[in-house]
């Protein structure tokens, strides 16, 4: 008969301790993943995709890799902090929407106070980081971007006006100005042209997604344009902003001293975007049951990524 170690029988043996250690590790990983989810990593990826090409254009070539790393870290902290604060403020309506019902505060993985502290910590750290690693202008623009998103969009505009995403989207454009000033220490007309591209791009990008989840927004009382306006009006506004976006992309040719390569690419990419926008309106007017709005949503992501890739390539081409 095998003797039983009394420590194991009482739950203090090595095997039980190993199980407890494993459980603690799993809980720690889960908690860490929940806090990372507060930062909305997929949105941050899109923001940072615009930052590096902007810095390349500002430098007229490859900028300091150290500076790029500093700027990307600062951008992640700023966007992550703003997104965490957004989730803290919107926790009441997030619980009413299918699309946001899995967010960490709603599920209880992170407490509201924990999310608030985490968001404030990242926001303050981002401004301090830019001040220490780049310059005061970049730090100031970072603070302005956070305030625009948290106060301007989340607290003031989101629940009051169907144009919420238009002005709220301006906060997402600020990373372009921050990237430019990190390299040059000043602002110019070229980064403002790129700013306008992303500013006008945001409604045609987001409203198709809002069309898909308009029942969610209606249930939460959020007056997104697809909730409060006829589908035909939404499609027309998407077209208007799409044309403005393409015009802004072409404005970069003289302001950024771009080559023919960028000009041709901007026309081709813009033409494809406009085709999808007008196709959406055509399907709406034809009375199609499925207007396939998500085609424009996914296409808008491809457009922005390719356009900024072209911006980066163009900086290495002879004028």
Protein backbone atom coordinates (compact mmCIF):
# COMPACT_ATOMS: atom_id res chain seq x y z
CA UNK A 1 0.00 0.00 0.00
CA UNK A 2 1.44 3.38 -0.98
CA UNK A 3 1.81 5.96 1.76
CA UNK A 4 0.07 9.24 1.20
CA UNK A 5 2.02 12.41 1.94
CA UNK A 6 -0.10 14.27 4.53
CA UNK A 7 0.81 17.60 2.92
CA UNK A 8 -0.73 16.40 -0.35
CA UNK A 9 -3.83 15.14 1.43
CA UNK A 10 -4.32 18.58 3.01
CA UNK A 11 -3.89 20.41 -0.26
CA UNK A 12 -0.34 21.60 0.42
CA UNK A 13 1.62 19.12 -1.66
CA UNK A 14 3.82 20.00 -4.64
CA UNK A 15 1.20 18.78 -7.15
CA UNK A 16 -1.50 21.07 -5.73
CA UNK A 17 0.91 23.99 -5.54
CA UNK A 18 1.73 23.42 -9.21
CA UNK A 19 -1.95 23.55 -10.12
CA UNK A 20 -2.37 26.78 -8.16
CA UNK A 21 0.62 28.32 -9.89
CA UNK A 22 -0.81 27.34 -13.28
CA UNK A 23 -4.19 28.79 -12.39
CA UNK A 24 -2.58 32.03 -11.25
CA UNK A 25 -0.67 32.26 -14.51
CA UNK A 26 -3.87 31.73 -16.53
CA UNK A 27 -5.72 34.39 -14.51
CA UNK A 28 -2.83 36.84 -14.93
CA UNK A 29 -2.74 36.28 -18.68
CA UNK A 30 -6.50 36.72 -18.92
CA UNK A 31 -6.39 39.95 -16.94
CA UNK A 32 -3.53 41.29 -19.05
CA UNK A 33 -5.42 40.43 -22.24
CA UNK A 34 -8.49 42.25 -20.92
CA UNK A 35 -6.49 45.43 -20.31
CA UNK A 36 -4.92 45.18 -23.76
CA UNK A 37 -8.44 44.85 -25.21
CA UNK A 38 -9.31 48.20 -23.60
CA UNK A 39 -6.84 49.89 -25.95
CA UNK A 40 -8.69 48.63 -29.10
CA UNK A 41 -5.48 47.30 -30.74
CA UNK A 42 -7.01 46.87 -34.22
CA UNK A 43 -7.94 50.56 -34.40
CA UNK A 44 -4.46 51.53 -33.22
CA UNK A 45 -2.92 49.47 -36.03
CA UNK A 46 -4.77 51.56 -38.59
CA UNK A 47 -3.68 54.81 -36.93
CA UNK A 48 -0.04 53.78 -36.88
CA UNK A 49 -0.15 52.69 -40.55
CA UNK A 50 -0.53 56.38 -41.41
CA UNK A 51 2.23 57.53 -39.06
CA UNK A 52 5.33 55.93 -40.57
CA UNK A 53 4.69 57.07 -44.18
CA UNK A 54 4.02 60.59 -42.87
CA UNK A 55 7.36 60.55 -41.05
CA UNK A 56 9.11 59.29 -44.19
CA UNK A 57 7.58 62.12 -46.22
CA UNK A 58 8.57 64.66 -43.56
CA UNK A 59 12.16 63.39 -43.55
CA UNK A 60 12.37 63.10 -47.34
CA UNK A 61 13.64 59.55 -46.84
CA UNK A 62 14.26 57.21 -43.94
CA UNK A 63 13.88 59.07 -40.63
CA UNK A 64 15.77 58.07 -37.51
CA UNK A 65 14.60 54.56 -36.64
CA UNK A 66 14.92 55.48 -32.99
CA UNK A 67 12.59 58.42 -33.53
CA UNK A 68 10.11 56.23 -35.39
CA UNK A 69 10.11 53.74 -32.51
CA UNK A 70 9.60 56.55 -29.98
CA UNK A 71 6.71 57.96 -32.02
CA UNK A 72 4.99 54.60 -32.46
CA UNK A 73 5.25 53.82 -28.75
CA UNK A 74 3.86 57.25 -27.89
CA UNK A 75 1.07 56.85 -30.44
CA UNK A 76 0.11 53.49 -28.97
CA UNK A 77 0.01 54.92 -25.45
CA UNK A 78 -2.09 57.91 -26.53
CA UNK A 79 -4.59 55.99 -28.63
CA UNK A 80 -4.75 53.18 -26.08
CA UNK A 81 -5.43 55.59 -23.24
CA UNK A 82 -8.11 57.45 -25.19
CA UNK A 83 -9.79 54.18 -26.18
CA UNK A 84 -9.77 52.90 -22.60
CA UNK A 85 -11.37 56.13 -21.39
CA UNK A 86 -13.91 55.84 -24.21
CA UNK A 87 -14.88 52.38 -22.97
CA UNK A 88 -15.14 53.66 -19.41
CA UNK A 89 -17.51 56.47 -20.42
CA UNK A 90 -19.55 54.31 -22.82
CA UNK A 91 -19.86 51.28 -20.54
CA UNK A 92 -23.59 51.87 -20.13
CA UNK A 93 -24.41 51.80 -23.84
CA UNK A 94 -21.79 49.15 -24.62
CA UNK A 95 -23.82 46.72 -22.54
CA UNK A 96 -26.86 47.35 -24.77
CA UNK A 97 -25.11 46.62 -28.07
CA UNK A 98 -24.27 43.23 -29.52
CA UNK A 99 -21.16 44.61 -31.22
CA UNK A 100 -19.69 45.89 -27.94
CA UNK A 101 -21.18 43.43 -25.47
CA UNK A 102 -17.88 41.53 -25.21
CA UNK A 103 -15.82 44.50 -24.05
CA UNK A 104 -13.88 43.94 -20.80
CA UNK A 105 -15.87 46.35 -18.61
CA UNK A 106 -19.19 44.92 -19.80
CA UNK A 107 -18.08 41.34 -19.12
CA UNK A 108 -16.65 42.28 -15.73
CA UNK A 109 -13.08 41.30 -16.62
CA UNK A 110 -11.99 44.85 -15.77
CA UNK A 111 -13.69 47.07 -13.21
CA UNK A 112 -14.81 50.58 -14.27
CA UNK A 113 -12.37 52.14 -11.80
CA UNK A 114 -9.59 49.93 -13.12
CA UNK A 115 -10.33 51.00 -16.69
CA UNK A 116 -10.44 54.67 -15.68
CA UNK A 117 -7.11 54.47 -13.89
CA UNK A 118 -5.54 52.54 -16.76
CA UNK A 119 -6.79 55.03 -19.37
CA UNK A 120 -5.61 58.05 -17.41
CA UNK A 121 -2.23 56.44 -16.81
CA UNK A 122 -1.69 55.74 -20.51
CA UNK A 123 -2.91 59.19 -21.55
CA UNK A 124 -0.61 61.05 -19.14
CA UNK A 125 2.28 58.72 -19.95
CA UNK A 126 1.87 59.36 -23.69
CA UNK A 127 2.15 63.14 -23.32
CA UNK A 128 5.15 62.80 -21.01
CA UNK A 129 6.72 60.29 -23.40
CA UNK A 130 6.46 62.60 -26.41
CA UNK A 131 7.79 65.53 -24.37
CA UNK A 132 10.81 63.47 -23.31
CA UNK A 133 11.57 61.72 -26.60
CA UNK A 134 10.47 64.14 -29.35
CA UNK A 135 9.45 67.75 -28.74
CA UNK A 136 6.93 69.95 -26.96
CA UNK A 137 4.77 70.49 -30.07
CA UNK A 138 4.28 66.75 -30.57
CA UNK A 139 3.41 66.41 -26.87
CA UNK A 140 0.90 69.26 -27.10
CA UNK A 141 -0.75 67.77 -30.18
CA UNK A 142 -0.98 64.43 -28.37
CA UNK A 143 -2.78 66.03 -25.44
CA UNK A 144 -5.13 67.80 -27.86
CA UNK A 145 -5.90 64.53 -29.68
CA UNK A 146 -6.80 62.75 -26.45
CA UNK A 147 -9.06 65.60 -25.33
CA UNK A 148 -10.75 65.75 -28.74
CA UNK A 149 -11.59 62.05 -28.64
CA UNK A 150 -12.51 61.65 -24.99
CA UNK A 151 -14.23 64.98 -24.33
CA UNK A 152 -15.19 66.28 -27.78
CA UNK A 153 -16.38 63.01 -29.31
CA UNK A 154 -17.25 60.60 -26.49
CA UNK A 155 -18.67 63.00 -23.89
CA UNK A 156 -20.18 65.76 -26.06
CA UNK A 157 -20.89 64.67 -29.64
CA UNK A 158 -21.50 60.93 -29.75
CA UNK A 159 -24.91 60.91 -28.08
CA UNK A 160 -26.10 64.28 -29.41
CA UNK A 161 -25.56 64.59 -33.15
CA UNK A 162 -25.56 62.30 -36.22
CA UNK A 163 -22.41 64.11 -37.35
CA UNK A 164 -20.59 62.73 -34.30
CA UNK A 165 -18.17 60.55 -36.24
CA UNK A 166 -17.26 63.42 -38.58
CA UNK A 167 -15.82 65.60 -35.86
CA UNK A 168 -14.82 62.71 -33.65
CA UNK A 169 -12.75 61.36 -36.50
CA UNK A 170 -10.56 64.46 -36.37
CA UNK A 171 -8.90 63.00 -33.28
CA UNK A 172 -7.75 60.02 -35.32
CA UNK A 173 -6.14 62.34 -37.86
CA UNK A 174 -3.96 64.00 -35.23
CA UNK A 175 -1.41 61.17 -35.33
CA UNK A 176 -0.42 62.44 -38.78
CA UNK A 177 0.41 65.88 -37.42
CA UNK A 178 2.19 64.30 -34.45
CA UNK A 179 4.33 62.13 -36.71
CA UNK A 180 5.25 65.10 -38.88
CA UNK A 181 6.19 67.33 -35.94
CA UNK A 182 8.20 64.53 -34.33
CA UNK A 183 10.47 64.68 -37.39
CA UNK A 184 10.48 68.39 -38.22
CA UNK A 185 9.55 70.11 -34.95
CA UNK A 186 7.01 72.21 -36.87
CA UNK A 187 3.91 71.97 -39.05
CA UNK A 188 3.39 72.65 -42.74
CA UNK A 189 0.77 72.43 -45.47
CA UNK A 190 1.63 68.87 -46.54
CA UNK A 191 0.67 67.21 -43.23
CA UNK A 192 -2.59 69.16 -43.22
CA UNK A 193 -3.41 67.72 -46.66
CA UNK A 194 -2.86 64.23 -45.27
CA UNK A 195 -4.90 65.20 -42.21
CA UNK A 196 -7.80 66.14 -44.51
CA UNK A 197 -7.52 62.85 -46.39
CA UNK A 198 -8.12 60.87 -43.19
CA UNK A 199 -10.69 63.39 -41.91
CA UNK A 200 -12.85 63.05 -45.04
CA UNK A 201 -12.14 59.29 -45.22
CA UNK A 202 -13.60 58.60 -41.76
CA UNK A 203 -17.36 58.99 -42.54
CA UNK A 204 -17.29 56.81 -45.70
CA UNK A 205 -15.30 54.28 -43.69
CA UNK A 206 -17.47 54.25 -40.57
CA UNK A 207 -21.00 54.83 -41.85
CA UNK A 208 -21.11 51.53 -43.81
CA UNK A 209 -20.22 49.77 -40.54
CA UNK A 210 -22.93 51.79 -38.78
CA UNK A 211 -25.41 50.63 -41.42
CA UNK A 212 -24.69 47.03 -40.52
CA UNK A 213 -25.09 47.68 -36.80
CA UNK A 214 -27.72 50.41 -36.89
CA UNK A 215 -30.10 48.36 -34.72
CA UNK A 216 -27.38 48.27 -32.07
CA UNK A 217 -26.97 52.03 -32.14
CA UNK A 218 -30.73 52.56 -32.12
CA UNK A 219 -31.10 50.31 -29.06
CA UNK A 220 -28.40 52.31 -27.27
CA UNK A 221 -29.88 55.68 -28.28
CA UNK A 222 -26.81 56.74 -30.26
CA UNK A 223 -27.90 58.94 -33.22
CA UNK A 224 -25.50 57.63 -35.83
CA UNK A 225 -26.51 58.93 -39.26
CA UNK A 226 -27.81 55.55 -40.52
CA UNK A 227 -30.11 55.42 -37.47
CA UNK A 228 -31.75 58.82 -37.95
CA UNK A 229 -31.59 59.37 -41.73
CA UNK A 230 -32.92 57.52 -44.79
CA UNK A 231 -30.50 55.13 -46.44
CA UNK A 232 -30.40 57.30 -49.56
CA UNK A 233 -29.23 60.31 -47.54
CA UNK A 234 -26.48 58.24 -45.90
CA UNK A 235 -25.29 57.06 -49.32
CA UNK A 236 -25.29 60.62 -50.71
CA UNK A 237 -23.28 61.93 -47.76
CA UNK A 238 -20.81 59.08 -48.19
CA UNK A 239 -20.33 60.15 -51.80
CA UNK A 240 -19.82 63.79 -50.80
CA UNK A 241 -17.14 62.96 -48.26
CA UNK A 242 -15.52 60.51 -50.69
CA UNK A 243 -15.11 63.22 -53.33
CA UNK A 244 -13.67 65.58 -50.71
CA UNK A 245 -11.23 62.85 -49.64
CA UNK A 246 -9.99 62.29 -53.19
CA UNK A 247 -9.61 66.06 -53.71
CA UNK A 248 -7.53 66.28 -50.51
CA UNK A 249 -5.34 63.40 -51.68
CA UNK A 250 -4.62 65.27 -54.93
CA UNK A 251 -3.97 68.48 -53.02
CA UNK A 252 -0.91 66.74 -51.59
CA UNK A 253 0.72 66.75 -55.05
CA UNK A 254 1.61 70.48 -55.01
CA UNK A 255 1.78 70.84 -51.22
CA UNK A 256 4.00 67.81 -50.65
CA UNK A 257 5.95 68.12 -53.91
CA UNK A 258 4.89 64.61 -54.88
CA UNK A 259 5.95 62.93 -58.13
CA UNK A 260 3.81 61.65 -60.98
CA UNK A 261 3.88 58.22 -59.32
CA UNK A 262 1.86 59.44 -56.34
CA UNK A 263 -0.44 61.50 -58.56
CA UNK A 264 -1.34 58.55 -60.78
CA UNK A 265 -1.76 56.21 -57.80
CA UNK A 266 -3.98 58.73 -55.98
CA UNK A 267 -6.23 59.04 -59.04
CA UNK A 268 -6.49 55.26 -59.52
CA UNK A 269 -7.11 54.51 -55.84
CA UNK A 270 -9.53 57.42 -55.52
CA UNK A 271 -11.38 56.30 -58.63
CA UNK A 272 -11.85 52.84 -57.15
CA UNK A 273 -13.15 54.31 -53.91
CA UNK A 274 -15.59 56.59 -55.72
CA UNK A 275 -16.84 53.68 -57.82
CA UNK A 276 -17.72 51.73 -54.66
CA UNK A 277 -19.36 54.78 -53.07
CA UNK A 278 -21.52 55.46 -56.14
CA UNK A 279 -22.32 51.75 -56.44
CA UNK A 280 -23.67 51.82 -52.91
CA UNK A 281 -26.04 54.67 -53.82
CA UNK A 282 -27.07 52.83 -57.00
CA UNK A 283 -27.97 49.70 -55.01
CA UNK A 284 -29.93 51.82 -52.53
CA UNK A 285 -31.94 53.53 -55.30
CA UNK A 286 -32.54 50.20 -57.00
CA UNK A 287 -34.16 48.96 -53.82
CA UNK A 288 -31.74 46.06 -53.29
CA UNK A 289 -32.49 44.21 -50.06
CA UNK A 290 -28.76 43.83 -49.43
CA UNK A 291 -26.89 47.03 -50.30
CA UNK A 292 -23.57 45.36 -49.37
CA UNK A 293 -22.33 48.35 -47.41
CA UNK A 294 -19.48 46.35 -45.89
CA UNK A 295 -17.81 46.21 -49.30
CA UNK A 296 -17.10 49.91 -48.94
CA UNK A 297 -16.02 49.49 -45.32
CA UNK A 298 -13.39 46.85 -46.16
CA UNK A 299 -12.39 48.67 -49.32
CA UNK A 300 -11.82 51.88 -47.39
CA UNK A 301 -9.21 50.16 -45.21
CA UNK A 302 -7.39 48.91 -48.30
CA UNK A 303 -7.55 52.38 -49.86
CA UNK A 304 -5.99 54.12 -46.88
CA UNK A 305 -3.25 51.54 -46.42
CA UNK A 306 -2.28 51.64 -50.11
CA UNK A 307 -2.42 55.44 -50.37
CA UNK A 308 -0.06 55.89 -47.44
CA UNK A 309 2.20 53.15 -48.80
CA UNK A 310 2.42 55.17 -52.00
CA UNK A 311 3.24 58.28 -49.94
CA UNK A 312 6.18 56.42 -48.39
CA UNK A 313 7.45 55.08 -51.73
CA UNK A 314 7.14 58.47 -53.42
CA UNK A 315 9.52 60.04 -50.92
CA UNK A 316 12.36 57.97 -52.39
CA UNK A 317 11.64 58.82 -56.02
CA UNK A 318 13.37 61.65 -57.90
CA UNK A 319 11.18 64.74 -58.30
